[in-house]
Amino acid sequence: MLLRTESNWKKKLAPEDENKLNELLERTSNHRPAYSLAEEVKAAQLWCALIEMKKENVHLKERIGKLEYIIDGFVARVHSLESEKKVIIESHERF
């Protein structure tokens, strides 16, 4: 019995990490009908967890892309306004 581990190893995680893992396991449980039919259920469950992580990654990339688009628009408008301001100042200096 030297190699016996505690039955609930998740309790050894930091509380916030345990919560994150539980959230991932909850999302992964949606795939139970698929992974329960696998020869190696635990391995299939891990692959399903990866699917959920990939979905989250794609969602975050889409949101970041939208934010980058908005920020790029702001930056372009600021540069345009600065250029116009510079032209106006130069024309007033010549006058």
PDB file of N, CA and C in Angstrom:
ATOM      1  N   MET A   1       0.805  -1.202   0.000  1.00  0.00           N
ATOM      2  CA  MET A   1       0.000   0.000   0.000  1.00  0.00           C
ATOM      3  C   MET A   1       0.846   1.262   0.000  1.00  0.00           C
ATOM      4  N   LEU A   2       2.116   1.159  -0.337  1.00  0.00           N
ATOM      5  CA  LEU A   2       2.968   2.339  -0.364  1.00  0.00           C
ATOM      6  C   LEU A   2       2.583   3.312  -1.477  1.00  0.00           C
ATOM      7  N   LEU A   3       2.048   2.803  -2.579  1.00  0.00           N
ATOM      8  CA  LEU A   3       1.744   3.647  -3.724  1.00  0.00           C
ATOM      9  C   LEU A   3       0.308   4.157  -3.725  1.00  0.00           C
ATOM     10  N   ARG A   4      -0.437   3.905  -2.676  1.00  0.00           N
ATOM     11  CA  ARG A   4      -1.830   4.330  -2.638  1.00  0.00           C
ATOM     12  C   ARG A   4      -1.915   5.867  -2.665  1.00  0.00           C
ATOM     13  N   THR A   5      -2.812   6.365  -3.489  1.00  0.00           N
ATOM     14  CA  THR A   5      -3.007   7.811  -3.583  1.00  0.00           C
ATOM     15  C   THR A   5      -4.357   8.173  -2.987  1.00  0.00           C
ATOM     16  N   GLU A   6      -4.498   9.411  -2.641  1.00  0.00           N
ATOM     17  CA  GLU A   6      -5.765   9.880  -2.103  1.00  0.00           C
ATOM     18  C   GLU A   6      -6.829   9.772  -3.192  1.00  0.00           C
ATOM     19  N   SER A   7      -8.012   9.351  -2.827  1.00  0.00           N
ATOM     20  CA  SER A   7      -9.053   9.109  -3.818  1.00  0.00           C
ATOM     21  C   SER A   7      -9.488  10.391  -4.530  1.00  0.00           C
ATOM     22  N   ASN A   8      -9.477  11.532  -3.863  1.00  0.00           N
ATOM     23  CA  ASN A   8      -9.862  12.778  -4.509  1.00  0.00           C
ATOM     24  C   ASN A   8      -8.631  13.673  -4.646  1.00  0.00           C
ATOM     25  N   TRP A   9      -7.827  13.398  -5.647  1.00  0.00           N
ATOM     26  CA  TRP A   9      -6.576  14.129  -5.864  1.00  0.00           C
ATOM     27  C   TRP A   9      -6.834  15.589  -6.218  1.00  0.00           C
ATOM     28  N   LYS A  10      -8.022  15.908  -6.740  1.00  0.00           N
ATOM     29  CA  LYS A  10      -8.324  17.293  -7.115  1.00  0.00           C
ATOM     30  C   LYS A  10      -8.305  18.222  -5.908  1.00  0.00           C
ATOM     31  N   LYS A  11      -8.557  17.682  -4.724  1.00  0.00           N
ATOM     32  CA  LYS A  11      -8.541  18.510  -3.514  1.00  0.00           C
ATOM     33  C   LYS A  11      -7.144  19.045  -3.218  1.00  0.00           C
ATOM     34  N   LYS A  12      -6.126  18.445  -3.805  1.00  0.00           N
ATOM     35  CA  LYS A  12      -4.746  18.903  -3.607  1.00  0.00           C
ATOM     36  C   LYS A  12      -4.394  20.081  -4.519  1.00  0.00           C
ATOM     37  N   LEU A  13      -5.264  20.375  -5.479  1.00  0.00           N
ATOM     38  CA  LEU A  13      -5.037  21.512  -6.369  1.00  0.00           C
ATOM     39  C   LEU A  13      -5.374  22.805  -5.638  1.00  0.00           C
ATOM     40  N   ALA A  14      -4.841  23.889  -6.158  1.00  0.00           N
ATOM     41  CA  ALA A  14      -5.245  25.207  -5.661  1.00  0.00           C
ATOM     42  C   ALA A  14      -6.751  25.346  -5.917  1.00  0.00           C
ATOM     43  N   PRO A  15      -7.478  25.999  -5.029  1.00  0.00           N
ATOM     44  CA  PRO A  15      -8.942  26.091  -5.191  1.00  0.00           C
ATOM     45  C   PRO A  15      -9.390  26.625  -6.556  1.00  0.00           C
ATOM     46  N   GLU A  16      -8.719  27.659  -7.050  1.00  0.00           N
ATOM     47  CA  GLU A  16      -9.124  28.202  -8.354  1.00  0.00           C
ATOM     48  C   GLU A  16      -8.843  27.209  -9.482  1.00  0.00           C
ATOM     49  N   ASP A  17      -7.759  26.423  -9.362  1.00  0.00           N
ATOM     50  CA  ASP A  17      -7.461  25.405 -10.368  1.00  0.00           C
ATOM     51  C   ASP A  17      -8.470  24.261 -10.302  1.00  0.00           C
ATOM     52  N   GLU A  18      -8.874  23.902  -9.103  1.00  0.00           N
ATOM     53  CA  GLU A  18      -9.886  22.863  -8.957  1.00  0.00           C
ATOM     54  C   GLU A  18     -11.204  23.302  -9.597  1.00  0.00           C
ATOM     55  N   ASN A  19     -11.554  24.574  -9.401  1.00  0.00           N
ATOM     56  CA  ASN A  19     -12.777  25.106 -10.018  1.00  0.00           C
ATOM     57  C   ASN A  19     -12.682  25.074 -11.537  1.00  0.00           C
ATOM     58  N   LYS A  20     -11.527  25.466 -12.075  1.00  0.00           N
ATOM     59  CA  LYS A  20     -11.336  25.448 -13.529  1.00  0.00           C
ATOM     60  C   LYS A  20     -11.450  24.033 -14.070  1.00  0.00           C
ATOM     61  N   LEU A  21     -10.838  23.086 -13.364  1.00  0.00           N
ATOM     62  CA  LEU A  21     -10.903  21.690 -13.801  1.00  0.00           C
ATOM     63  C   LEU A  21     -12.335  21.181 -13.751  1.00  0.00           C
ATOM     64  N   ASN A  22     -13.062  21.515 -12.699  1.00  0.00           N
ATOM     65  CA  ASN A  22     -14.457  21.082 -12.594  1.00  0.00           C
ATOM     66  C   ASN A  22     -15.315  21.665 -13.716  1.00  0.00           C
ATOM     67  N   GLU A  23     -15.050  22.924 -14.090  1.00  0.00           N
ATOM     68  CA  GLU A  23     -15.780  23.535 -15.203  1.00  0.00           C
ATOM     69  C   GLU A  23     -15.481  22.793 -16.504  1.00  0.00           C
ATOM     70  N   LEU A  24     -14.219  22.455 -16.718  1.00  0.00           N
ATOM     71  CA  LEU A  24     -13.841  21.718 -17.923  1.00  0.00           C
ATOM     72  C   LEU A  24     -14.482  20.331 -17.934  1.00  0.00           C
ATOM     73  N   LEU A  25     -14.486  19.674 -16.799  1.00  0.00           N
ATOM     74  CA  LEU A  25     -15.102  18.349 -16.715  1.00  0.00           C
ATOM     75  C   LEU A  25     -16.608  18.432 -16.968  1.00  0.00           C
ATOM     76  N   GLU A  26     -17.218  19.497 -16.505  1.00  0.00           N
ATOM     77  CA  GLU A  26     -18.654  19.688 -16.740  1.00  0.00           C
ATOM     78  C   GLU A  26     -18.937  19.832 -18.232  1.00  0.00           C
ATOM     79  N   ARG A  27     -18.136  20.665 -18.908  1.00  0.00           N
ATOM     80  CA  ARG A  27     -18.310  20.832 -20.360  1.00  0.00           C
ATOM     81  C   ARG A  27     -18.010  19.539 -21.098  1.00  0.00           C
ATOM     82  N   THR A  28     -17.015  18.799 -20.623  1.00  0.00           N
ATOM     83  CA  THR A  28     -16.631  17.541 -21.261  1.00  0.00           C
ATOM     84  C   THR A  28     -17.725  16.488 -21.102  1.00  0.00           C
ATOM     85  N   SER A  29     -18.466  16.569 -20.026  1.00  0.00           N
ATOM     86  CA  SER A  29     -19.517  15.570 -19.787  1.00  0.00           C
ATOM     87  C   SER A  29     -20.591  15.589 -20.870  1.00  0.00           C
ATOM     88  N   ASN A  30     -20.686  16.682 -21.628  1.00  0.00           N
ATOM     89  CA  ASN A  30     -21.632  16.733 -22.750  1.00  0.00           C
ATOM     90  C   ASN A  30     -21.303  15.687 -23.809  1.00  0.00           C
ATOM     91  N   HIS A  31     -20.052  15.222 -23.820  1.00  0.00           N
ATOM     92  CA  HIS A  31     -19.601  14.241 -24.807  1.00  0.00           C
ATOM     93  C   HIS A  31     -19.689  12.807 -24.274  1.00  0.00           C
ATOM     94  N   ARG A  32     -20.290  12.639 -23.111  1.00  0.00           N
ATOM     95  CA  ARG A  32     -20.349  11.318 -22.476  1.00  0.00           C
ATOM     96  C   ARG A  32     -20.900  10.236 -23.404  1.00  0.00           C
ATOM     97  N   PRO A  33     -21.958  10.517 -24.180  1.00  0.00           N
ATOM     98  CA  PRO A  33     -22.448   9.455 -25.076  1.00  0.00           C
ATOM     99  C   PRO A  33     -21.382   8.965 -26.053  1.00  0.00           C
ATOM    100  N   ALA A  34     -20.462   9.847 -26.427  1.00  0.00           N
ATOM    101  CA  ALA A  34     -19.407   9.444 -27.367  1.00  0.00           C
ATOM    102  C   ALA A  34     -18.280   8.714 -26.649  1.00  0.00           C
ATOM    103  N   TYR A  35     -17.696   9.314 -25.606  1.00  0.00           N
ATOM    104  CA  TYR A  35     -16.526   8.693 -24.987  1.00  0.00           C
ATOM    105  C   TYR A  35     -16.864   7.456 -24.163  1.00  0.00           C
ATOM    106  N   SER A  36     -18.116   7.310 -23.766  1.00  0.00           N
ATOM    107  CA  SER A  36     -18.472   6.103 -22.998  1.00  0.00           C
ATOM    108  C   SER A  36     -18.467   4.860 -23.878  1.00  0.00           C
ATOM    109  N   LEU A  37     -18.498   5.037 -25.189  1.00  0.00           N
ATOM    110  CA  LEU A  37     -18.459   3.903 -26.109  1.00  0.00           C
ATOM    111  C   LEU A  37     -17.042   3.503 -26.501  1.00  0.00           C
ATOM    112  N   ALA A  38     -16.049   4.281 -26.085  1.00  0.00           N
ATOM    113  CA  ALA A  38     -14.661   4.020 -26.482  1.00  0.00           C
ATOM    114  C   ALA A  38     -14.080   2.834 -25.714  1.00  0.00           C
ATOM    115  N   GLU A  39     -13.081   2.207 -26.333  1.00  0.00           N
ATOM    116  CA  GLU A  39     -12.376   1.119 -25.643  1.00  0.00           C
ATOM    117  C   GLU A  39     -11.657   1.653 -24.418  1.00  0.00           C
ATOM    118  N   GLU A  40     -11.019   2.792 -24.572  1.00  0.00           N
ATOM    119  CA  GLU A  40     -10.310   3.435 -23.460  1.00  0.00           C
ATOM    120  C   GLU A  40     -11.075   4.713 -23.100  1.00  0.00           C
ATOM    121  N   VAL A  41     -12.016   4.577 -22.202  1.00  0.00           N
ATOM    122  CA  VAL A  41     -12.921   5.680 -21.856  1.00  0.00           C
ATOM    123  C   VAL A  41     -12.147   6.884 -21.329  1.00  0.00           C
ATOM    124  N   LYS A  42     -11.164   6.656 -20.470  1.00  0.00           N
ATOM    125  CA  LYS A  42     -10.411   7.776 -19.890  1.00  0.00           C
ATOM    126  C   LYS A  42      -9.654   8.557 -20.954  1.00  0.00           C
ATOM    127  N   ALA A  43      -9.052   7.843 -21.888  1.00  0.00           N
ATOM    128  CA  ALA A  43      -8.325   8.526 -22.968  1.00  0.00           C
ATOM    129  C   ALA A  43      -9.298   9.304 -23.846  1.00  0.00           C
ATOM    130  N   ALA A  44     -10.437   8.708 -24.157  1.00  0.00           N
ATOM    131  CA  ALA A  44     -11.431   9.397 -24.978  1.00  0.00           C
ATOM    132  C   ALA A  44     -11.972  10.633 -24.257  1.00  0.00           C
ATOM    133  N   GLN A  45     -12.132  10.518 -22.946  1.00  0.00           N
ATOM    134  CA  GLN A  45     -12.600  11.668 -22.170  1.00  0.00           C
ATOM    135  C   GLN A  45     -11.582  12.800 -22.222  1.00  0.00           C
ATOM    136  N   LEU A  46     -10.309  12.469 -22.177  1.00  0.00           N
ATOM    137  CA  LEU A  46      -9.269  13.500 -22.300  1.00  0.00           C
ATOM    138  C   LEU A  46      -9.326  14.181 -23.665  1.00  0.00           C
ATOM    139  N   TRP A  47      -9.534  13.385 -24.729  1.00  0.00           N
ATOM    140  CA  TRP A  47      -9.633  13.970 -26.058  1.00  0.00           C
ATOM    141  C   TRP A  47     -10.844  14.893 -26.145  1.00  0.00           C
ATOM    142  N   CYS A  48     -11.937  14.508 -25.501  1.00  0.00           N
ATOM    143  CA  CYS A  48     -13.124  15.367 -25.484  1.00  0.00           C
ATOM    144  C   CYS A  48     -12.856  16.652 -24.709  1.00  0.00           C
ATOM    145  N   ALA A  49     -12.057  16.564 -23.644  1.00  0.00           N
ATOM    146  CA  ALA A  49     -11.669  17.767 -22.907  1.00  0.00           C
ATOM    147  C   ALA A  49     -10.847  18.684 -23.813  1.00  0.00           C
ATOM    148  N   LEU A  50      -9.986  18.090 -24.633  1.00  0.00           N
ATOM    149  CA  LEU A  50      -9.208  18.890 -25.581  1.00  0.00           C
ATOM    150  C   LEU A  50     -10.115  19.570 -26.606  1.00  0.00           C
ATOM    151  N   ILE A  51     -11.151  18.877 -27.032  1.00  0.00           N
ATOM    152  CA  ILE A  51     -12.115  19.481 -27.956  1.00  0.00           C
ATOM    153  C   ILE A  51     -12.731  20.724 -27.315  1.00  0.00           C
ATOM    154  N   GLU A  52     -13.129  20.603 -26.057  1.00  0.00           N
ATOM    155  CA  GLU A  52     -13.728  21.746 -25.356  1.00  0.00           C
ATOM    156  C   GLU A  52     -12.737  22.888 -25.214  1.00  0.00           C
ATOM    157  N   MET A  53     -11.487  22.571 -24.943  1.00  0.00           N
ATOM    158  CA  MET A  53     -10.463  23.609 -24.826  1.00  0.00           C
ATOM    159  C   MET A  53     -10.223  24.281 -26.171  1.00  0.00           C
ATOM    160  N   LYS A  54     -10.254  23.498 -27.252  1.00  0.00           N
ATOM    161  CA  LYS A  54     -10.071  24.050 -28.591  1.00  0.00           C
ATOM    162  C   LYS A  54     -11.227  24.993 -28.942  1.00  0.00           C
ATOM    163  N   LYS A  55     -12.457  24.597 -28.597  1.00  0.00           N
ATOM    164  CA  LYS A  55     -13.606  25.469 -28.842  1.00  0.00           C
ATOM    165  C   LYS A  55     -13.440  26.809 -28.124  1.00  0.00           C
ATOM    166  N   GLU A  56     -12.997  26.735 -26.875  1.00  0.00           N
ATOM    167  CA  GLU A  56     -12.791  27.956 -26.102  1.00  0.00           C
ATOM    168  C   GLU A  56     -11.695  28.810 -26.732  1.00  0.00           C
ATOM    169  N   ASN A  57     -10.639  28.169 -27.200  1.00  0.00           N
ATOM    170  CA  ASN A  57      -9.531  28.871 -27.843  1.00  0.00           C
ATOM    171  C   ASN A  57     -10.010  29.581 -29.111  1.00  0.00           C
ATOM    172  N   VAL A  58     -10.792  28.900 -29.931  1.00  0.00           N
ATOM    173  CA  VAL A  58     -11.314  29.502 -31.160  1.00  0.00           C
ATOM    174  C   VAL A  58     -12.220  30.689 -30.817  1.00  0.00           C
ATOM    175  N   HIS A  59     -13.076  30.516 -29.813  1.00  0.00           N
ATOM    176  CA  HIS A  59     -13.967  31.601 -29.385  1.00  0.00           C
ATOM    177  C   HIS A  59     -13.166  32.827 -28.940  1.00  0.00           C
ATOM    178  N   LEU A  60     -12.113  32.601 -28.152  1.00  0.00           N
ATOM    179  CA  LEU A  60     -11.288  33.718 -27.682  1.00  0.00           C
ATOM    180  C   LEU A  60     -10.549  34.391 -28.831  1.00  0.00           C
ATOM    181  N   LYS A  61     -10.063  33.605 -29.787  1.00  0.00           N
ATOM    182  CA  LYS A  61      -9.389  34.186 -30.951  1.00  0.00           C
ATOM    183  C   LYS A  61     -10.348  35.060 -31.754  1.00  0.00           C
ATOM    184  N   GLU A  62     -11.587  34.609 -31.892  1.00  0.00           N
ATOM    185  CA  GLU A  62     -12.579  35.410 -32.608  1.00  0.00           C
ATOM    186  C   GLU A  62     -12.837  36.729 -31.886  1.00  0.00           C
ATOM    187  N   ARG A  63     -12.967  36.673 -30.571  1.00  0.00           N
ATOM    188  CA  ARG A  63     -13.208  37.901 -29.794  1.00  0.00           C
ATOM    189  C   ARG A  63     -12.009  38.839 -29.890  1.00  0.00           C
ATOM    190  N   ILE A  64     -10.807  38.295 -29.815  1.00  0.00           N
ATOM    191  CA  ILE A  64      -9.601  39.125 -29.930  1.00  0.00           C
ATOM    192  C   ILE A  64      -9.527  39.749 -31.313  1.00  0.00           C
ATOM    193  N   GLY A  65      -9.881  38.980 -32.330  1.00  0.00           N
ATOM    194  CA  GLY A  65      -9.888  39.517 -33.693  1.00  0.00           C
ATOM    195  C   GLY A  65     -10.829  40.700 -33.828  1.00  0.00           C
ATOM    196  N   LYS A  66     -12.009  40.590 -33.224  1.00  0.00           N
ATOM    197  CA  LYS A  66     -12.966  41.697 -33.265  1.00  0.00           C
ATOM    198  C   LYS A  66     -12.421  42.919 -32.534  1.00  0.00           C
ATOM    199  N   LEU A  67     -11.803  42.695 -31.379  1.00  0.00           N
ATOM    200  CA  LEU A  67     -11.218  43.810 -30.627  1.00  0.00           C
ATOM    201  C   LEU A  67     -10.083  44.457 -31.410  1.00  0.00           C
ATOM    202  N   GLU A  68      -9.247  43.642 -32.056  1.00  0.00           N
ATOM    203  CA  GLU A  68      -8.154  44.196 -32.861  1.00  0.00           C
ATOM    204  C   GLU A  68      -8.709  45.045 -33.992  1.00  0.00           C
ATOM    205  N   TYR A  69      -9.790  44.584 -34.618  1.00  0.00           N
ATOM    206  CA  TYR A  69     -10.417  45.338 -35.703  1.00  0.00           C
ATOM    207  C   TYR A  69     -10.887  46.700 -35.209  1.00  0.00           C
ATOM    208  N   ILE A  70     -11.536  46.710 -34.057  1.00  0.00           N
ATOM    209  CA  ILE A  70     -12.032  47.967 -33.483  1.00  0.00           C
ATOM    210  C   ILE A  70     -10.873  48.891 -33.130  1.00  0.00           C
ATOM    211  N   ILE A  71      -9.847  48.350 -32.486  1.00  0.00           N
ATOM    212  CA  ILE A  71      -8.693  49.160 -32.081  1.00  0.00           C
ATOM    213  C   ILE A  71      -7.960  49.695 -33.304  1.00  0.00           C
ATOM    214  N   ASP A  72      -7.809  48.859 -34.341  1.00  0.00           N
ATOM    215  CA  ASP A  72      -7.161  49.329 -35.564  1.00  0.00           C
ATOM    216  C   ASP A  72      -7.932  50.498 -36.173  1.00  0.00           C
ATOM    217  N   GLY A  73      -9.262  50.429 -36.108  1.00  0.00           N
ATOM    218  CA  GLY A  73     -10.082  51.538 -36.618  1.00  0.00           C
ATOM    219  C   GLY A  73      -9.852  52.803 -35.820  1.00  0.00           C
ATOM    220  N   PHE A  74      -9.781  52.671 -34.496  1.00  0.00           N
ATOM    221  CA  PHE A  74      -9.503  53.836 -33.655  1.00  0.00           C
ATOM    222  C   PHE A  74      -8.143  54.437 -33.985  1.00  0.00           C
ATOM    223  N   VAL A  75      -7.153  53.591 -34.097  1.00  0.00           N
ATOM    224  CA  VAL A  75      -5.796  54.067 -34.385  1.00  0.00           C
ATOM    225  C   VAL A  75      -5.747  54.754 -35.739  1.00  0.00           C
ATOM    226  N   ALA A  76      -6.412  54.189 -36.730  1.00  0.00           N
ATOM    227  CA  ALA A  76      -6.427  54.808 -38.059  1.00  0.00           C
ATOM    228  C   ALA A  76      -7.086  56.180 -38.009  1.00  0.00           C
ATOM    229  N   ARG A  77      -8.192  56.289 -37.256  1.00  0.00           N
ATOM    230  CA  ARG A  77      -8.860  57.589 -37.152  1.00  0.00           C
ATOM    231  C   ARG A  77      -8.000  58.605 -36.416  1.00  0.00           C
ATOM    232  N   VAL A  78      -7.298  58.179 -35.382  1.00  0.00           N
ATOM    233  CA  VAL A  78      -6.410  59.089 -34.647  1.00  0.00           C
ATOM    234  C   VAL A  78      -5.299  59.578 -35.561  1.00  0.00           C
ATOM    235  N   HIS A  79      -4.701  58.669 -36.331  1.00  0.00           N
ATOM    236  CA  HIS A  79      -3.644  59.079 -37.267  1.00  0.00           C
ATOM    237  C   HIS A  79      -4.199  60.052 -38.307  1.00  0.00           C
ATOM    238  N   SER A  80      -5.402  59.786 -38.786  1.00  0.00           N
ATOM    239  CA  SER A  80      -6.027  60.671 -39.764  1.00  0.00           C
ATOM    240  C   SER A  80      -6.257  62.053 -39.164  1.00  0.00           C
ATOM    241  N   LEU A  81      -6.770  62.092 -37.939  1.00  0.00           N
ATOM    242  CA  LEU A  81      -7.005  63.380 -37.271  1.00  0.00           C
ATOM    243  C   LEU A  81      -5.696  64.119 -37.025  1.00  0.00           C
ATOM    244  N   GLU A  82      -4.658  63.394 -36.639  1.00  0.00           N
ATOM    245  CA  GLU A  82      -3.355  64.018 -36.412  1.00  0.00           C
ATOM    246  C   GLU A  82      -2.808  64.603 -37.711  1.00  0.00           C
ATOM    247  N   SER A  83      -2.996  63.871 -38.821  1.00  0.00           N
ATOM    248  CA  SER A  83      -2.528  64.375 -40.120  1.00  0.00           C
ATOM    249  C   SER A  83      -3.274  65.641 -40.503  1.00  0.00           C
ATOM    250  N   GLU A  84      -4.605  65.624 -40.321  1.00  0.00           N
ATOM    251  CA  GLU A  84      -5.399  66.805 -40.624  1.00  0.00           C
ATOM    252  C   GLU A  84      -4.982  67.984 -39.747  1.00  0.00           C
ATOM    253  N   LYS A  85      -4.751  67.712 -38.487  1.00  0.00           N
ATOM    254  CA  LYS A  85      -4.334  68.753 -37.542  1.00  0.00           C
ATOM    255  C   LYS A  85      -3.004  69.366 -37.986  1.00  0.00           C
ATOM    256  N   LYS A  86      -2.087  68.488 -38.407  1.00  0.00           N
ATOM    257  CA  LYS A  86      -0.775  68.952 -38.849  1.00  0.00           C
ATOM    258  C   LYS A  86      -0.910  69.841 -40.091  1.00  0.00           C
ATOM    259  N   VAL A  87      -1.753  69.450 -41.029  1.00  0.00           N
ATOM    260  CA  VAL A  87      -1.968  70.226 -42.252  1.00  0.00           C
ATOM    261  C   VAL A  87      -2.567  71.590 -41.907  1.00  0.00           C
ATOM    262  N   ILE A  88      -3.517  71.617 -41.002  1.00  0.00           N
ATOM    263  CA  ILE A  88      -4.153  72.883 -40.602  1.00  0.00           C
ATOM    264  C   ILE A  88      -3.141  73.801 -39.928  1.00  0.00           C
ATOM    265  N   ILE A  89      -2.323  73.246 -39.036  1.00  0.00           N
ATOM    266  CA  ILE A  89      -1.310  74.056 -38.341  1.00  0.00           C
ATOM    267  C   ILE A  89      -0.308  74.619 -39.337  1.00  0.00           C
ATOM    268  N   GLU A  90       0.139  73.784 -40.272  1.00  0.00           N
ATOM    269  CA  GLU A  90       1.101  74.244 -41.278  1.00  0.00           C
ATOM    270  C   GLU A  90       0.498  75.332 -42.149  1.00  0.00           C
ATOM    271  N   SER A  91      -0.776  75.199 -42.511  1.00  0.00           N
ATOM    272  CA  SER A  91      -1.393  76.223 -43.364  1.00  0.00           C
ATOM    273  C   SER A  91      -1.574  77.535 -42.580  1.00  0.00           C
ATOM    274  N   HIS A  92      -1.836  77.454 -41.297  1.00  0.00           N
ATOM    275  CA  HIS A  92      -1.939  78.671 -40.489  1.00  0.00           C
ATOM    276  C   HIS A  92      -0.588  79.337 -40.296  1.00  0.00           C
ATOM    277  N   GLU A  93       0.451  78.506 -40.198  1.00  0.00           N
ATOM    278  CA  GLU A  93       1.806  79.086 -40.045  1.00  0.00           C
ATOM    279  C   GLU A  93       2.224  79.828 -41.312  1.00  0.00           C
ATOM    280  N   ARG A  94       1.807  79.305 -42.470  1.00  0.00           N
ATOM    281  CA  ARG A  94       2.135  79.965 -43.735  1.00  0.00           C
ATOM    282  C   ARG A  94       1.322  81.240 -43.920  1.00  0.00           C
ATOM    283  N   PHE A  95       0.177  81.308 -43.348  1.00  0.00           N
ATOM    284  CA  PHE A  95      -0.698  82.452 -43.520  1.00  0.00           C
ATOM    285  C   PHE A  95      -0.196  83.580 -42.683  1.00  0.00           C
TER     286      PHE A  95
END
